[in-house]
Amino acid sequence: MTAVVDRMLVTRVLNKSKESLKLTHLPVVITSTEEDPKMIEKCMEGGAKGFILKPINLDVDRRL
């Protein structure tokens, strides 16, 4: 999922994924161009399994 300017959307999606029995087993990883510590913390507390800053360099970032 990409965190754009609408941070409330990210929060709602994380909440919905925790509430849905069909989605709870799926890990949610947030990607964003913004390196805002408060947003990262909120996403992680909201259930995100990871937060990756864009642009993503697949040669360097082995987590993917």
PDB file of N, CA and C in Angstrom:
ATOM      1  N   MET A   1       0.846  -1.165   0.000  1.00  0.00           N
ATOM      2  CA  MET A   1       0.000   0.000   0.000  1.00  0.00           C
ATOM      3  C   MET A   1       0.885   1.220   0.000  1.00  0.00           C
ATOM      4  N   THR A   2       0.509   2.233  -0.730  1.00  0.00           N
ATOM      5  CA  THR A   2       1.266   3.470  -0.784  1.00  0.00           C
ATOM      6  C   THR A   2       0.600   4.526   0.071  1.00  0.00           C
ATOM      7  N   ALA A   3       1.366   5.083   0.980  1.00  0.00           N
ATOM      8  CA  ALA A   3       0.858   6.171   1.824  1.00  0.00           C
ATOM      9  C   ALA A   3       1.065   7.476   1.074  1.00  0.00           C
ATOM     10  N   VAL A   4       0.000   8.048   0.598  1.00  0.00           N
ATOM     11  CA  VAL A   4       0.085   9.314  -0.102  1.00  0.00           C
ATOM     12  C   VAL A   4      -0.207  10.385   0.928  1.00  0.00           C
ATOM     13  N   VAL A   5      -0.765  11.510   0.515  1.00  0.00           N
ATOM     14  CA  VAL A   5      -1.044  12.600   1.428  1.00  0.00           C
ATOM     15  C   VAL A   5      -2.162  12.245   2.408  1.00  0.00           C
ATOM     16  N   ASP A   6      -3.084  11.407   1.989  1.00  0.00           N
ATOM     17  CA  ASP A   6      -4.242  11.085   2.820  1.00  0.00           C
ATOM     18  C   ASP A   6      -3.896  10.045   3.878  1.00  0.00           C
ATOM     19  N   ARG A   7      -3.401  10.507   4.995  1.00  0.00           N
ATOM     20  CA  ARG A   7      -3.000   9.605   6.073  1.00  0.00           C
ATOM     21  C   ARG A   7      -4.191   8.921   6.721  1.00  0.00           C
ATOM     22  N   MET A   8      -5.336   9.567   6.683  1.00  0.00           N
ATOM     23  CA  MET A   8      -6.532   8.954   7.257  1.00  0.00           C
ATOM     24  C   MET A   8      -6.910   7.706   6.476  1.00  0.00           C
ATOM     25  N   LEU A   9      -6.692   7.706   5.174  1.00  0.00           N
ATOM     26  CA  LEU A   9      -6.986   6.532   4.355  1.00  0.00           C
ATOM     27  C   LEU A   9      -6.114   5.351   4.792  1.00  0.00           C
ATOM     28  N   VAL A  10      -4.841   5.606   5.033  1.00  0.00           N
ATOM     29  CA  VAL A  10      -3.939   4.544   5.481  1.00  0.00           C
ATOM     30  C   VAL A  10      -4.434   3.962   6.797  1.00  0.00           C
ATOM     31  N   THR A  11      -4.813   4.824   7.727  1.00  0.00           N
ATOM     32  CA  THR A  11      -5.310   4.377   9.024  1.00  0.00           C
ATOM     33  C   THR A  11      -6.576   3.554   8.866  1.00  0.00           C
ATOM     34  N   ARG A  12      -7.492   4.000   8.013  1.00  0.00           N
ATOM     35  CA  ARG A  12      -8.741   3.260   7.803  1.00  0.00           C
ATOM     36  C   ARG A  12      -8.484   1.893   7.186  1.00  0.00           C
ATOM     37  N   VAL A  13      -7.574   1.832   6.220  1.00  0.00           N
ATOM     38  CA  VAL A  13      -7.277   0.552   5.575  1.00  0.00           C
ATOM     39  C   VAL A  13      -6.655  -0.410   6.580  1.00  0.00           C
ATOM     40  N   LEU A  14      -5.744   0.082   7.414  1.00  0.00           N
ATOM     41  CA  LEU A  14      -5.147  -0.782   8.434  1.00  0.00           C
ATOM     42  C   LEU A  14      -6.207  -1.288   9.406  1.00  0.00           C
ATOM     43  N   ASN A  15      -7.119  -0.417   9.820  1.00  0.00           N
ATOM     44  CA  ASN A  15      -8.185  -0.828  10.728  1.00  0.00           C
ATOM     45  C   ASN A  15      -9.092  -1.866  10.079  1.00  0.00           C
ATOM     46  N   LYS A  16      -9.470  -1.644   8.826  1.00  0.00           N
ATOM     47  CA  LYS A  16     -10.342  -2.595   8.124  1.00  0.00           C
ATOM     48  C   LYS A  16      -9.654  -3.942   7.949  1.00  0.00           C
ATOM     49  N   SER A  17      -8.345  -3.924   7.674  1.00  0.00           N
ATOM     50  CA  SER A  17      -7.648  -5.197   7.477  1.00  0.00           C
ATOM     51  C   SER A  17      -7.577  -5.992   8.774  1.00  0.00           C
ATOM     52  N   LYS A  18      -7.551  -5.313   9.912  1.00  0.00           N
ATOM     53  CA  LYS A  18      -7.556  -6.009  11.205  1.00  0.00           C
ATOM     54  C   LYS A  18      -8.941  -6.541  11.539  1.00  0.00           C
ATOM     55  N   GLU A  19      -9.996  -5.859  11.082  1.00  0.00           N
ATOM     56  CA  GLU A  19     -11.370  -6.250  11.400  1.00  0.00           C
ATOM     57  C   GLU A  19     -11.881  -7.399  10.534  1.00  0.00           C
ATOM     58  N   SER A  20     -11.360  -7.519   9.330  1.00  0.00           N
ATOM     59  CA  SER A  20     -11.856  -8.514   8.386  1.00  0.00           C
ATOM     60  C   SER A  20     -11.169  -9.864   8.596  1.00  0.00           C
ATOM     61  N   LEU A  21     -11.971 -10.905   8.812  1.00  0.00           N
ATOM     62  CA  LEU A  21     -11.412 -12.240   8.972  1.00  0.00           C
ATOM     63  C   LEU A  21     -10.677 -12.703   7.716  1.00  0.00           C
ATOM     64  N   LYS A  22     -11.111 -12.211   6.567  1.00  0.00           N
ATOM     65  CA  LYS A  22     -10.475 -12.593   5.313  1.00  0.00           C
ATOM     66  C   LYS A  22      -9.125 -11.903   5.117  1.00  0.00           C
ATOM     67  N   LEU A  23      -8.896 -10.802   5.822  1.00  0.00           N
ATOM     68  CA  LEU A  23      -7.683 -10.018   5.588  1.00  0.00           C
ATOM     69  C   LEU A  23      -6.663 -10.053   6.725  1.00  0.00           C
ATOM     70  N   THR A  24      -7.052 -10.550   7.894  1.00  0.00           N
ATOM     71  CA  THR A  24      -6.162 -10.455   9.056  1.00  0.00           C
ATOM     72  C   THR A  24      -4.838 -11.200   8.874  1.00  0.00           C
ATOM     73  N   HIS A  25      -4.816 -12.215   8.043  1.00  0.00           N
ATOM     74  CA  HIS A  25      -3.579 -12.983   7.850  1.00  0.00           C
ATOM     75  C   HIS A  25      -2.624 -12.328   6.850  1.00  0.00           C
ATOM     76  N   LEU A  26      -3.097 -11.315   6.131  1.00  0.00           N
ATOM     77  CA  LEU A  26      -2.261 -10.662   5.122  1.00  0.00           C
ATOM     78  C   LEU A  26      -1.396  -9.569   5.752  1.00  0.00           C
ATOM     79  N   PRO A  27      -0.090  -9.596   5.517  1.00  0.00           N
ATOM     80  CA  PRO A  27       0.762  -8.524   6.037  1.00  0.00           C
ATOM     81  C   PRO A  27       0.585  -7.261   5.201  1.00  0.00           C
ATOM     82  N   VAL A  28       0.539  -6.122   5.859  1.00  0.00           N
ATOM     83  CA  VAL A  28       0.417  -4.839   5.170  1.00  0.00           C
ATOM     84  C   VAL A  28       1.742  -4.103   5.318  1.00  0.00           C
ATOM     85  N   VAL A  29       2.346  -3.765   4.181  1.00  0.00           N
ATOM     86  CA  VAL A  29       3.589  -3.000   4.169  1.00  0.00           C
ATOM     87  C   VAL A  29       3.292  -1.666   3.497  1.00  0.00           C
ATOM     88  N   ILE A  30       3.612  -0.589   4.194  1.00  0.00           N
ATOM     89  CA  ILE A  30       3.354   0.753   3.699  1.00  0.00           C
ATOM     90  C   ILE A  30       4.578   1.249   2.950  1.00  0.00           C
ATOM     91  N   THR A  31       4.361   1.842   1.773  1.00  0.00           N
ATOM     92  CA  THR A  31       5.432   2.515   1.050  1.00  0.00           C
ATOM     93  C   THR A  31       5.065   3.979   0.922  1.00  0.00           C
ATOM     94  N   SER A  32       6.050   4.840   1.092  1.00  0.00           N
ATOM     95  CA  SER A  32       5.767   6.271   1.058  1.00  0.00           C
ATOM     96  C   SER A  32       7.014   7.047   0.684  1.00  0.00           C
ATOM     97  N   THR A  33       6.799   8.217   0.127  1.00  0.00           N
ATOM     98  CA  THR A  33       7.915   9.123  -0.144  1.00  0.00           C
ATOM     99  C   THR A  33       8.174  10.028   1.051  1.00  0.00           C
ATOM    100  N   GLU A  34       7.271  10.017   2.019  1.00  0.00           N
ATOM    101  CA  GLU A  34       7.399  10.868   3.202  1.00  0.00           C
ATOM    102  C   GLU A  34       8.078  10.117   4.344  1.00  0.00           C
ATOM    103  N   GLU A  35       9.105  10.718   4.912  1.00  0.00           N
ATOM    104  CA  GLU A  35       9.797  10.119   6.048  1.00  0.00           C
ATOM    105  C   GLU A  35       9.375  10.869   7.314  1.00  0.00           C
ATOM    106  N   ASP A  36       8.101  10.701   7.662  1.00  0.00           N
ATOM    107  CA  ASP A  36       7.523  11.358   8.828  1.00  0.00           C
ATOM    108  C   ASP A  36       7.471  10.351   9.974  1.00  0.00           C
ATOM    109  N   PRO A  37       8.314  10.531  10.994  1.00  0.00           N
ATOM    110  CA  PRO A  37       8.352   9.566  12.098  1.00  0.00           C
ATOM    111  C   PRO A  37       6.998   9.330  12.758  1.00  0.00           C
ATOM    112  N   LYS A  38       6.178  10.366  12.863  1.00  0.00           N
ATOM    113  CA  LYS A  38       4.856  10.200  13.486  1.00  0.00           C
ATOM    114  C   LYS A  38       3.969   9.307  12.630  1.00  0.00           C
ATOM    115  N   MET A  39       4.017   9.492  11.306  1.00  0.00           N
ATOM    116  CA  MET A  39       3.199   8.666  10.418  1.00  0.00           C
ATOM    117  C   MET A  39       3.697   7.219  10.443  1.00  0.00           C
ATOM    118  N   ILE A  40       5.011   7.040  10.425  1.00  0.00           N
ATOM    119  CA  ILE A  40       5.574   5.689  10.464  1.00  0.00           C
ATOM    120  C   ILE A  40       5.152   4.988  11.753  1.00  0.00           C
ATOM    121  N   GLU A  41       5.267   5.690  12.869  1.00  0.00           N
ATOM    122  CA  GLU A  41       4.875   5.119  14.155  1.00  0.00           C
ATOM    123  C   GLU A  41       3.385   4.768  14.174  1.00  0.00           C
ATOM    124  N   LYS A  42       2.564   5.650  13.636  1.00  0.00           N
ATOM    125  CA  LYS A  42       1.118   5.408  13.620  1.00  0.00           C
ATOM    126  C   LYS A  42       0.783   4.183  12.757  1.00  0.00           C
ATOM    127  N   CYS A  43       1.466   4.044  11.630  1.00  0.00           N
ATOM    128  CA  CYS A  43       1.232   2.890  10.763  1.00  0.00           C
ATOM    129  C   CYS A  43       1.640   1.593  11.453  1.00  0.00           C
ATOM    130  N   MET A  44       2.800   1.619  12.091  1.00  0.00           N
ATOM    131  CA  MET A  44       3.273   0.410  12.765  1.00  0.00           C
ATOM    132  C   MET A  44       2.370   0.042  13.938  1.00  0.00           C
ATOM    133  N   GLU A  45       1.940   1.045  14.689  1.00  0.00           N
ATOM    134  CA  GLU A  45       1.008   0.791  15.795  1.00  0.00           C
ATOM    135  C   GLU A  45      -0.344   0.317  15.272  1.00  0.00           C
ATOM    136  N   GLY A  46      -0.698   0.753  14.047  1.00  0.00           N
ATOM    137  CA  GLY A  46      -1.966   0.372  13.447  1.00  0.00           C
ATOM    138  C   GLY A  46      -1.975  -1.023  12.855  1.00  0.00           C
ATOM    139  N   GLY A  47      -0.824  -1.682  12.865  1.00  0.00           N
ATOM    140  CA  GLY A  47      -0.791  -3.056  12.387  1.00  0.00           C
ATOM    141  C   GLY A  47       0.049  -3.302  11.157  1.00  0.00           C
ATOM    142  N   ALA A  48       0.676  -2.273  10.605  1.00  0.00           N
ATOM    143  CA  ALA A  48       1.537  -2.486   9.443  1.00  0.00           C
ATOM    144  C   ALA A  48       2.715  -3.365   9.850  1.00  0.00           C
ATOM    145  N   LYS A  49       3.116  -4.235   8.956  1.00  0.00           N
ATOM    146  CA  LYS A  49       4.255  -5.124   9.224  1.00  0.00           C
ATOM    147  C   LYS A  49       5.572  -4.504   8.788  1.00  0.00           C
ATOM    148  N   GLY A  50       5.490  -3.404   8.046  1.00  0.00           N
ATOM    149  CA  GLY A  50       6.705  -2.749   7.602  1.00  0.00           C
ATOM    150  C   GLY A  50       6.410  -1.403   6.986  1.00  0.00           C
ATOM    151  N   PHE A  51       7.458  -0.602   6.848  1.00  0.00           N
ATOM    152  CA  PHE A  51       7.351   0.720   6.241  1.00  0.00           C
ATOM    153  C   PHE A  51       8.600   0.918   5.400  1.00  0.00           C
ATOM    154  N   ILE A  52       8.421   1.133   4.102  1.00  0.00           N
ATOM    155  CA  ILE A  52       9.544   1.276   3.183  1.00  0.00           C
ATOM    156  C   ILE A  52       9.443   2.629   2.488  1.00  0.00           C
ATOM    157  N   LEU A  53      10.565   3.349   2.495  1.00  0.00           N
ATOM    158  CA  LEU A  53      10.603   4.653   1.828  1.00  0.00           C
ATOM    159  C   LEU A  53      10.842   4.481   0.336  1.00  0.00           C
ATOM    160  N   LYS A  54      10.160   5.334  -0.442  1.00  0.00           N
ATOM    161  CA  LYS A  54      10.354   5.366  -1.888  1.00  0.00           C
ATOM    162  C   LYS A  54      11.417   6.400  -2.212  1.00  0.00           C
ATOM    163  N   PRO A  55      12.112   6.294  -3.286  1.00  0.00           N
ATOM    164  CA  PRO A  55      12.038   5.211  -4.266  1.00  0.00           C
ATOM    165  C   PRO A  55      12.691   3.951  -3.715  1.00  0.00           C
ATOM    166  N   ILE A  56      12.156   2.833  -4.128  1.00  0.00           N
ATOM    167  CA  ILE A  56      12.648   1.543  -3.654  1.00  0.00           C
ATOM    168  C   ILE A  56      13.733   1.064  -4.607  1.00  0.00           C
ATOM    169  N   ASN A  57      14.903   0.795  -4.073  1.00  0.00           N
ATOM    170  CA  ASN A  57      16.008   0.261  -4.857  1.00  0.00           C
ATOM    171  C   ASN A  57      16.093  -1.232  -4.559  1.00  0.00           C
ATOM    172  N   LEU A  58      15.585  -2.048  -5.459  1.00  0.00           N
ATOM    173  CA  LEU A  58      15.528  -3.493  -5.228  1.00  0.00           C
ATOM    174  C   LEU A  58      16.910  -4.134  -5.160  1.00  0.00           C
ATOM    175  N   ASP A  59      17.917  -3.491  -5.740  1.00  0.00           N
ATOM    176  CA  ASP A  59      19.274  -4.026  -5.656  1.00  0.00           C
ATOM    177  C   ASP A  59      19.849  -3.873  -4.259  1.00  0.00           C
ATOM    178  N   VAL A  60      19.387  -2.856  -3.522  1.00  0.00           N
ATOM    179  CA  VAL A  60      19.909  -2.572  -2.189  1.00  0.00           C
ATOM    180  C   VAL A  60      18.996  -3.142  -1.114  1.00  0.00           C
ATOM    181  N   ASP A  61      17.693  -3.015  -1.293  1.00  0.00           N
ATOM    182  CA  ASP A  61      16.729  -3.412  -0.281  1.00  0.00           C
ATOM    183  C   ASP A  61      16.337  -4.869  -0.448  1.00  0.00           C
ATOM    184  N   ARG A  62      16.952  -5.748   0.304  1.00  0.00           N
ATOM    185  CA  ARG A  62      16.723  -7.187   0.190  1.00  0.00           C
ATOM    186  C   ARG A  62      15.468  -7.654   0.936  1.00  0.00           C
ATOM    187  N   ARG A  63      14.745  -6.739   1.609  1.00  0.00           N
ATOM    188  CA  ARG A  63      13.540  -7.137   2.333  1.00  0.00           C
ATOM    189  C   ARG A  63      12.417  -7.513   1.384  1.00  0.00           C
ATOM    190  N   LEU A  64      12.533  -7.130   0.126  1.00  0.00           N
ATOM    191  CA  LEU A  64      11.442  -7.368  -0.817  1.00  0.00           C
ATOM    192  C   LEU A  64      11.648  -8.623  -1.620  1.00  0.00           C
TER     193      LEU A  64
END
